[in-house]
Amino acid sequence: MDEYADKLHAKLAPESVGLTLIRAGSFLSAYELIKSEVVGGVHDFFWRGCKDGQNLYDEISYREDVTNRNPKSKFRASCAWLVEMQALTVEQVAILEEIYRHR
């Protein structure tokens, strides 16, 4: 029982908890950055120029080609589109899904 108590004490020590929280925060931040880049990058592919200082996008093609793949998740829809365009592999998307579930 003393060995278990020692392990538990070490795990709950302020230094250990602090380091774990820093790692968790970094992990979540990295996921959100990847997600933002994937969704934004795919949307930017449908950019058609500027008019009166506003960016113009082909929203109809974006919706038909991308978001209709998964109406509940722009991230998953974008990943599926990137796989079809051969910009990502199925294995890479599986890793992103694993990261999503782990977070």
N, C-alpha and C. Protein backbone atom coordinates (compact mmCIF):
# COMPACT_ATOMS: atom_id res chain seq x y z
N MET A 1 0.82 -1.20 0.00
CA MET A 1 0.00 0.00 0.00
C MET A 1 0.87 1.26 0.00
N ASP A 2 2.03 1.21 0.64
CA ASP A 2 2.91 2.36 0.69
C ASP A 2 3.41 2.74 -0.70
N GLU A 3 3.67 1.73 -1.54
CA GLU A 3 4.13 2.00 -2.90
C GLU A 3 3.05 2.76 -3.68
N TYR A 4 1.80 2.34 -3.55
CA TYR A 4 0.68 3.01 -4.22
C TYR A 4 0.54 4.44 -3.71
N ALA A 5 0.64 4.63 -2.42
CA ALA A 5 0.53 5.96 -1.82
C ALA A 5 1.66 6.86 -2.32
N ASP A 6 2.84 6.31 -2.46
CA ASP A 6 3.98 7.10 -2.97
C ASP A 6 3.73 7.53 -4.42
N LYS A 7 3.25 6.60 -5.24
CA LYS A 7 2.97 6.92 -6.65
C LYS A 7 1.87 7.98 -6.75
N LEU A 8 0.84 7.82 -5.94
CA LEU A 8 -0.27 8.78 -5.95
C LEU A 8 0.21 10.15 -5.49
N HIS A 9 1.00 10.18 -4.46
CA HIS A 9 1.54 11.45 -3.95
C HIS A 9 2.40 12.15 -5.02
N ALA A 10 3.24 11.37 -5.70
CA ALA A 10 4.10 11.94 -6.75
C ALA A 10 3.24 12.47 -7.91
N LYS A 11 2.19 11.74 -8.24
CA LYS A 11 1.33 12.16 -9.35
C LYS A 11 0.55 13.42 -9.02
N LEU A 12 0.20 13.59 -7.77
CA LEU A 12 -0.61 14.75 -7.37
C LEU A 12 0.24 15.91 -6.84
N ALA A 13 1.54 15.76 -6.90
CA ALA A 13 2.42 16.85 -6.47
C ALA A 13 2.20 18.06 -7.36
N PRO A 14 2.25 19.26 -6.80
CA PRO A 14 1.99 20.48 -7.59
C PRO A 14 2.81 20.57 -8.87
N GLU A 15 4.08 20.14 -8.83
CA GLU A 15 4.91 20.21 -10.03
C GLU A 15 4.35 19.30 -11.12
N SER A 16 3.93 18.09 -10.74
CA SER A 16 3.39 17.13 -11.71
C SER A 16 2.07 17.61 -12.28
N VAL A 17 1.21 18.10 -11.43
CA VAL A 17 -0.10 18.59 -11.89
C VAL A 17 0.09 19.79 -12.81
N GLY A 18 0.96 20.68 -12.44
CA GLY A 18 1.22 21.85 -13.28
C GLY A 18 1.73 21.47 -14.66
N LEU A 19 2.67 20.54 -14.70
CA LEU A 19 3.22 20.08 -15.97
C LEU A 19 2.15 19.38 -16.81
N THR A 20 1.31 18.58 -16.18
CA THR A 20 0.23 17.90 -16.89
C THR A 20 -0.75 18.91 -17.48
N LEU A 21 -1.09 19.94 -16.73
CA LEU A 21 -2.01 20.97 -17.23
C LEU A 21 -1.39 21.75 -18.39
N ILE A 22 -0.09 22.02 -18.31
CA ILE A 22 0.58 22.72 -19.41
C ILE A 22 0.55 21.85 -20.66
N ARG A 23 0.85 20.57 -20.52
CA ARG A 23 0.81 19.66 -21.68
C ARG A 23 -0.59 19.56 -22.26
N ALA A 24 -1.59 19.45 -21.40
CA ALA A 24 -2.97 19.35 -21.87
C ALA A 24 -3.37 20.62 -22.62
N GLY A 25 -3.01 21.77 -22.09
CA GLY A 25 -3.33 23.03 -22.75
C GLY A 25 -2.64 23.15 -24.10
N SER A 26 -1.39 22.70 -24.17
CA SER A 26 -0.65 22.72 -25.44
C SER A 26 -1.30 21.79 -26.46
N PHE A 27 -1.71 20.63 -26.00
CA PHE A 27 -2.36 19.65 -26.87
C PHE A 27 -3.66 20.21 -27.44
N LEU A 28 -4.48 20.81 -26.57
CA LEU A 28 -5.75 21.39 -27.03
C LEU A 28 -5.52 22.56 -27.98
N SER A 29 -4.54 23.38 -27.67
CA SER A 29 -4.23 24.52 -28.55
C SER A 29 -3.77 24.04 -29.92
N ALA A 30 -2.91 23.03 -29.94
CA ALA A 30 -2.43 22.49 -31.21
C ALA A 30 -3.58 21.95 -32.04
N TYR A 31 -4.49 21.22 -31.41
CA TYR A 31 -5.64 20.68 -32.13
C TYR A 31 -6.47 21.81 -32.73
N GLU A 32 -6.76 22.83 -31.95
CA GLU A 32 -7.58 23.94 -32.44
C GLU A 32 -6.89 24.69 -33.58
N LEU A 33 -5.57 24.81 -33.52
CA LEU A 33 -4.83 25.46 -34.60
C LEU A 33 -4.91 24.62 -35.88
N ILE A 34 -4.75 23.32 -35.75
CA ILE A 34 -4.86 22.43 -36.91
C ILE A 34 -6.27 22.51 -37.50
N LYS A 35 -7.26 22.44 -36.64
CA LYS A 35 -8.65 22.49 -37.09
C LYS A 35 -8.92 23.79 -37.84
N SER A 36 -8.48 24.90 -37.28
CA SER A 36 -8.68 26.20 -37.91
C SER A 36 -7.99 26.27 -39.27
N GLU A 37 -6.79 25.74 -39.34
CA GLU A 37 -6.04 25.75 -40.60
C GLU A 37 -6.70 24.88 -41.66
N VAL A 38 -7.19 23.73 -41.27
CA VAL A 38 -7.85 22.82 -42.22
C VAL A 38 -9.13 23.46 -42.75
N VAL A 39 -9.99 23.91 -41.87
CA VAL A 39 -11.27 24.50 -42.29
C VAL A 39 -11.05 25.78 -43.07
N GLY A 40 -10.21 26.66 -42.57
CA GLY A 40 -9.94 27.93 -43.24
C GLY A 40 -9.23 27.74 -44.57
N GLY A 41 -8.28 26.82 -44.61
CA GLY A 41 -7.55 26.57 -45.84
C GLY A 41 -8.43 26.03 -46.95
N VAL A 42 -9.32 25.12 -46.60
CA VAL A 42 -10.23 24.57 -47.60
C VAL A 42 -11.19 25.67 -48.07
N HIS A 43 -11.72 26.44 -47.14
CA HIS A 43 -12.61 27.54 -47.54
C HIS A 43 -11.89 28.52 -48.44
N ASP A 44 -10.65 28.83 -48.12
CA ASP A 44 -9.87 29.77 -48.94
C ASP A 44 -9.62 29.25 -50.35
N PHE A 45 -9.66 27.94 -50.53
CA PHE A 45 -9.50 27.38 -51.87
C PHE A 45 -10.61 27.90 -52.81
N PHE A 46 -11.74 28.24 -52.23
CA PHE A 46 -12.89 28.70 -53.01
C PHE A 46 -12.94 30.24 -53.12
N TRP A 47 -11.85 30.89 -52.78
CA TRP A 47 -11.75 32.35 -52.90
C TRP A 47 -11.75 32.74 -54.36
N ARG A 48 -12.51 33.77 -54.68
CA ARG A 48 -12.64 34.19 -56.07
C ARG A 48 -12.21 35.63 -56.31
N GLY A 49 -11.69 36.30 -55.31
CA GLY A 49 -11.20 37.66 -55.49
C GLY A 49 -11.81 38.61 -54.49
N CYS A 50 -11.65 39.90 -54.77
CA CYS A 50 -12.16 40.95 -53.89
C CYS A 50 -13.05 41.90 -54.69
N LYS A 51 -14.01 42.44 -54.00
CA LYS A 51 -14.86 43.47 -54.59
C LYS A 51 -15.26 44.42 -53.48
N ASP A 52 -15.00 45.69 -53.68
CA ASP A 52 -15.31 46.72 -52.69
C ASP A 52 -14.70 46.39 -51.32
N GLY A 53 -13.48 45.86 -51.34
CA GLY A 53 -12.78 45.55 -50.11
C GLY A 53 -13.24 44.29 -49.40
N GLN A 54 -14.11 43.53 -50.02
CA GLN A 54 -14.63 42.30 -49.42
C GLN A 54 -14.11 41.08 -50.18
N ASN A 55 -13.71 40.07 -49.46
CA ASN A 55 -13.32 38.82 -50.11
C ASN A 55 -14.56 38.13 -50.65
N LEU A 56 -14.44 37.61 -51.85
CA LEU A 56 -15.54 36.88 -52.48
C LEU A 56 -15.19 35.40 -52.56
N TYR A 57 -16.14 34.57 -52.17
CA TYR A 57 -15.96 33.12 -52.20
C TYR A 57 -17.08 32.51 -53.02
N ASP A 58 -16.77 31.39 -53.65
CA ASP A 58 -17.79 30.62 -54.36
C ASP A 58 -18.48 29.72 -53.32
N GLU A 59 -19.40 30.31 -52.58
CA GLU A 59 -20.04 29.60 -51.46
C GLU A 59 -20.89 28.42 -51.94
N ILE A 60 -21.45 28.53 -53.13
CA ILE A 60 -22.27 27.42 -53.65
C ILE A 60 -21.39 26.20 -53.89
N SER A 61 -20.26 26.40 -54.57
CA SER A 61 -19.35 25.27 -54.81
C SER A 61 -18.79 24.75 -53.49
N TYR A 62 -18.45 25.64 -52.57
CA TYR A 62 -17.93 25.23 -51.26
C TYR A 62 -18.95 24.35 -50.54
N ARG A 63 -20.19 24.77 -50.55
CA ARG A 63 -21.23 23.98 -49.89
C ARG A 63 -21.42 22.64 -50.58
N GLU A 64 -21.50 22.66 -51.92
CA GLU A 64 -21.73 21.42 -52.66
C GLU A 64 -20.54 20.47 -52.58
N ASP A 65 -19.34 21.01 -52.69
CA ASP A 65 -18.15 20.16 -52.73
C ASP A 65 -17.62 19.77 -51.36
N VAL A 66 -17.85 20.61 -50.37
CA VAL A 66 -17.22 20.37 -49.06
C VAL A 66 -18.26 20.13 -47.96
N THR A 67 -19.01 21.16 -47.60
CA THR A 67 -19.83 21.04 -46.39
C THR A 67 -20.94 20.01 -46.51
N ASN A 68 -21.39 19.71 -47.71
CA ASN A 68 -22.42 18.68 -47.85
C ASN A 68 -21.89 17.29 -47.50
N ARG A 69 -20.59 17.13 -47.43
CA ARG A 69 -19.99 15.84 -47.05
C ARG A 69 -20.29 15.50 -45.59
N ASN A 70 -20.37 16.53 -44.77
CA ASN A 70 -20.69 16.34 -43.36
C ASN A 70 -21.27 17.65 -42.84
N PRO A 71 -22.58 17.85 -42.99
CA PRO A 71 -23.19 19.12 -42.59
C PRO A 71 -23.01 19.48 -41.11
N LYS A 72 -22.75 18.49 -40.26
CA LYS A 72 -22.60 18.76 -38.83
C LYS A 72 -21.19 19.20 -38.45
N SER A 73 -20.20 18.94 -39.32
CA SER A 73 -18.81 19.25 -38.97
C SER A 73 -18.04 19.74 -40.19
N LYS A 74 -17.75 21.04 -40.20
CA LYS A 74 -16.94 21.59 -41.29
C LYS A 74 -15.55 20.98 -41.27
N PHE A 75 -15.05 20.66 -40.09
CA PHE A 75 -13.73 20.06 -39.98
C PHE A 75 -13.70 18.70 -40.66
N ARG A 76 -14.64 17.84 -40.33
CA ARG A 76 -14.66 16.51 -40.94
C ARG A 76 -14.97 16.58 -42.43
N ALA A 77 -15.84 17.49 -42.81
CA ALA A 77 -16.14 17.67 -44.23
C ALA A 77 -14.89 18.13 -44.98
N SER A 78 -14.15 19.05 -44.39
CA SER A 78 -12.93 19.56 -45.00
C SER A 78 -11.88 18.46 -45.11
N CYS A 79 -11.76 17.64 -44.07
CA CYS A 79 -10.82 16.53 -44.11
C CYS A 79 -11.18 15.55 -45.23
N ALA A 80 -12.46 15.24 -45.36
CA ALA A 80 -12.90 14.32 -46.42
C ALA A 80 -12.57 14.90 -47.79
N TRP A 81 -12.78 16.19 -47.96
CA TRP A 81 -12.48 16.84 -49.24
C TRP A 81 -10.98 16.79 -49.52
N LEU A 82 -10.18 17.04 -48.49
CA LEU A 82 -8.72 17.00 -48.65
C LEU A 82 -8.22 15.60 -49.01
N VAL A 83 -8.87 14.56 -48.48
CA VAL A 83 -8.51 13.19 -48.85
C VAL A 83 -8.83 12.97 -50.33
N GLU A 84 -10.00 13.40 -50.75
CA GLU A 84 -10.37 13.24 -52.16
C GLU A 84 -9.41 14.00 -53.09
N MET A 85 -8.94 15.15 -52.65
CA MET A 85 -8.01 15.95 -53.44
C MET A 85 -6.57 15.43 -53.31
N GLN A 86 -6.38 14.37 -52.52
CA GLN A 86 -5.09 13.74 -52.26
C GLN A 86 -4.09 14.68 -51.56
N ALA A 87 -4.63 15.61 -50.78
CA ALA A 87 -3.79 16.49 -49.98
C ALA A 87 -3.51 15.89 -48.61
N LEU A 88 -4.40 15.03 -48.14
CA LEU A 88 -4.23 14.27 -46.91
C LEU A 88 -4.51 12.81 -47.22
N THR A 89 -3.95 11.94 -46.39
CA THR A 89 -4.25 10.52 -46.53
C THR A 89 -5.33 10.13 -45.52
N VAL A 90 -5.92 8.99 -45.74
CA VAL A 90 -6.92 8.47 -44.80
C VAL A 90 -6.27 8.27 -43.43
N GLU A 91 -5.01 7.84 -43.43
CA GLU A 91 -4.30 7.61 -42.18
C GLU A 91 -4.10 8.92 -41.41
N GLN A 92 -3.77 9.98 -42.12
CA GLN A 92 -3.59 11.29 -41.47
C GLN A 92 -4.90 11.78 -40.85
N VAL A 93 -5.99 11.59 -41.57
CA VAL A 93 -7.29 11.99 -41.04
C VAL A 93 -7.65 11.14 -39.83
N ALA A 94 -7.30 9.87 -39.86
CA ALA A 94 -7.56 9.00 -38.70
C ALA A 94 -6.80 9.50 -37.47
N ILE A 95 -5.59 9.98 -37.67
CA ILE A 95 -4.81 10.54 -36.55
C ILE A 95 -5.48 11.80 -36.02
N LEU A 96 -5.96 12.65 -36.92
CA LEU A 96 -6.69 13.86 -36.48
C LEU A 96 -7.95 13.49 -35.70
N GLU A 97 -8.65 12.45 -36.14
CA GLU A 97 -9.84 11.99 -35.41
C GLU A 97 -9.46 11.45 -34.03
N GLU A 98 -8.34 10.75 -33.97
CA GLU A 98 -7.87 10.23 -32.68
C GLU A 98 -7.53 11.38 -31.74
N ILE A 99 -6.88 12.40 -32.25
CA ILE A 99 -6.57 13.59 -31.44
C ILE A 99 -7.87 14.23 -30.96
N TYR A 100 -8.86 14.34 -31.85
CA TYR A 100 -10.14 14.93 -31.48
C TYR A 100 -10.78 14.15 -30.33
N ARG A 101 -10.80 12.83 -30.45
CA ARG A 101 -11.42 12.00 -29.40
C ARG A 101 -10.64 12.11 -28.08
N HIS A 102 -9.34 12.19 -28.18
CA HIS A 102 -8.50 12.24 -26.97
C HIS A 102 -8.64 13.55 -26.20
N ARG A 103 -8.88 14.62 -26.94
CA ARG A 103 -8.91 15.93 -26.30
C ARG A 103 -10.03 16.01 -25.31
